[in-house]
Protein backbone atom coordinates (compact mmCIF):
# COMPACT_ATOMS: atom_id res chain seq x y z
CA MET A 1 102.39 68.62 70.16
CA ALA A 2 101.67 71.99 70.69
CA VAL A 3 100.59 71.25 74.67
CA LEU A 4 104.30 69.93 75.12
CA ALA A 5 105.91 73.12 73.58
CA THR A 6 103.55 75.46 75.45
CA GLY A 7 104.11 73.48 78.80
CA ALA A 8 108.54 73.72 78.24
CA MET A 9 107.90 77.78 77.41
CA ALA A 10 105.79 78.22 80.50
CA GLN A 11 108.94 76.39 82.13
CA MET A 12 111.47 78.92 80.38
CA VAL A 13 109.88 82.55 81.68
CA PRO A 14 110.22 83.28 85.19
CA GLN A 15 107.60 83.79 87.63
CA LEU A 16 107.25 88.12 87.85
CA SER A 17 103.94 87.29 90.15
CA GLY A 18 103.52 87.20 93.90
CA PRO A 19 103.14 84.04 95.92
CA GLN A 20 100.90 81.40 94.04
CA GLY A 21 98.61 81.15 97.48
CA ASP A 22 95.39 82.25 97.84
CA ALA A 23 94.55 84.79 95.19
CA MET A 24 92.30 87.24 97.19
CA GLN A 25 94.69 87.35 99.96
CA THR A 26 95.84 90.68 100.74
CA LEU A 27 99.84 91.31 100.85
CA PRO A 28 101.54 94.26 102.21
CA ALA A 29 103.16 96.12 99.16
CA ASP A 30 106.79 96.20 98.67
CA PRO A 31 108.66 99.67 99.58
CA LEU A 32 108.94 102.02 97.04
CA PRO A 33 112.39 102.06 95.58
CA LYS A 34 115.06 105.04 96.05
CA TRP A 35 115.33 107.41 93.05
CA VAL A 36 118.74 107.60 91.48
CA ILE A 37 119.34 111.17 92.14
CA ASP A 38 123.41 111.57 91.73
CA ASP A 39 122.96 114.13 88.86
CA ILE A 40 125.13 112.07 87.04
CA ARG A 41 124.73 111.31 83.01
CA ARG A 42 124.34 107.43 82.10
CA MET A 43 125.10 105.92 78.91
CA ARG A 44 122.46 104.30 77.04
CA ALA A 45 122.31 100.45 76.40
CA TYR A 46 121.36 100.92 72.64
CA PRO A 47 121.59 104.03 70.18
CA GLU A 48 118.30 105.43 70.24
CA GLN A 49 117.57 104.79 73.85
CA PRO A 50 115.51 107.87 75.25
CA PRO A 51 118.20 109.13 78.51
CA VAL A 52 117.03 108.05 82.03
CA ILE A 53 115.88 111.04 84.03
CA PRO A 54 119.68 111.64 86.68
CA HIS A 55 117.40 113.89 89.31
CA SER A 56 114.32 113.85 91.18
CA ILE A 57 111.02 114.60 89.65
CA ASP A 58 109.02 114.50 92.57
CA GLY A 59 106.40 117.86 92.38
CA TYR A 60 107.08 118.05 88.59
CA GLN A 61 103.50 119.19 86.90
CA LEU A 62 103.48 117.79 83.55
CA SER A 63 99.77 118.82 82.09
CA VAL A 64 98.57 119.98 78.92
CA ASN A 65 99.19 123.51 80.57
CA ALA A 66 102.45 123.15 82.02
CA ASN A 67 106.07 121.23 81.32
CA ARG A 68 108.29 121.72 84.56
CA CYS A 69 111.36 119.74 82.10
CA LEU A 70 110.88 122.24 79.57
CA SER A 71 112.06 125.05 82.04
CA CYS A 72 115.11 123.66 82.13
CA HIS A 73 115.76 121.50 78.96
CA LYS A 74 113.88 123.64 75.87
CA ARG A 75 116.37 124.82 73.64
CA GLU A 76 116.36 128.40 74.85
CA PHE A 77 116.36 128.12 78.44
CA SER A 78 119.13 124.77 78.54
CA GLN A 79 122.53 126.67 78.80
CA ASP A 80 121.64 129.03 81.63
CA ALA A 81 120.22 125.81 83.60
CA GLY A 82 123.45 123.99 82.97
CA ALA A 83 120.68 120.81 81.25
CA PRO A 84 121.33 119.18 78.34
CA MET A 85 118.77 120.38 75.61
CA ILE A 86 116.38 117.94 74.36
CA SER A 87 116.98 116.38 70.92
CA ILE A 88 116.17 118.58 67.89
CA THR A 89 114.01 115.35 67.24
CA HIS A 90 111.72 116.79 69.67
CA TYR A 91 111.16 119.88 67.62
CA MET A 92 109.88 117.46 64.50
CA THR A 93 106.80 116.59 63.06
CA ARG A 94 106.63 113.01 62.03
CA GLU A 95 106.95 113.77 58.85
CA GLY A 96 110.21 115.35 59.48
CA GLN A 97 109.24 118.96 59.35
CA MET A 98 110.80 121.39 61.71
CA LEU A 99 108.62 123.22 64.31
CA ALA A 100 109.44 126.66 66.07
CA ASP A 101 108.03 124.87 69.66
CA VAL A 102 108.25 121.42 70.98
CA SER A 103 106.26 118.91 69.35
CA PRO A 104 102.81 118.05 70.71
CA ARG A 105 103.69 114.58 70.38
CA ARG A 106 106.93 114.85 71.92
CA TYR A 107 105.66 116.84 74.93
CA PHE A 108 104.91 114.45 78.22
CA CYS A 109 108.54 113.79 78.82
CA THR A 110 108.42 110.90 81.13
CA ALA A 111 105.97 108.46 78.46
CA CYS A 112 110.02 107.84 77.20
CA HIS A 113 111.77 109.37 79.82
CA VAL A 114 112.22 107.66 83.00
CA PRO A 115 114.04 108.49 86.53
CA GLN A 116 116.24 105.44 87.59
CA ALA A 117 115.48 103.38 90.56
CA ASP A 118 118.26 102.04 92.82
CA HIS A 119 116.32 98.60 92.42
CA LYS A 120 116.79 94.98 91.94
CA PRO A 121 116.12 93.59 88.39
CA LEU A 122 112.99 91.36 88.36
CA VAL A 123 115.24 88.99 86.06
CA GLU A 124 118.84 88.23 85.13
CA ASN A 125 120.23 90.73 82.80
CA THR A 126 122.76 89.30 80.68
CA PHE A 127 123.50 91.83 78.43
CA LYS A 128 126.87 92.44 76.84
CA ASP A 129 127.93 96.34 75.10
CA MET A 130 129.32 95.54 71.91
CA SER A 131 132.09 96.73 73.27
CA ASP A 132 132.98 94.27 75.77
CA MET A 133 132.30 91.31 73.12
CA GLY A 134 135.60 92.41 71.08
CA VAL A 135 134.17 94.12 68.27
CA THR A 136 136.12 96.64 66.46
CA LYS A 137 134.93 99.89 65.66
CA ALA A 138 134.75 100.68 61.42
CA GLY A 139 138.47 101.65 59.96
CA SER A 140 140.10 100.45 62.88
CA GLU A 141 141.59 97.54 61.15
């Protein structure tokens, strides 16, 4: 019985790897996708989603000693740079204690924030936002 269920699941999952020919065959790499660098802030798909990076980060240094992102997005620099300030949650410990500087656990921005690529998705996305499903806002009755 378990074998049949496993076989049925395997048919539902789309193949994400390349051709199933010779496993040792060397294939040319696909060209790198172009980054979306229009500097337009994107709507988030869900409330706690980290925002995507709407500009190029090529050449940005992000190491233990330097973080180029903070030169514009840190609280004290954001207004002059015209960049959105990083969330206040980035100035908190896991226990919610406020810090004077960015928390070490929030220092490596690209662990959560990524540039957006102009690329065809690997699988079809059928996500619908709640507002597209006819859900009304609380108190609008």
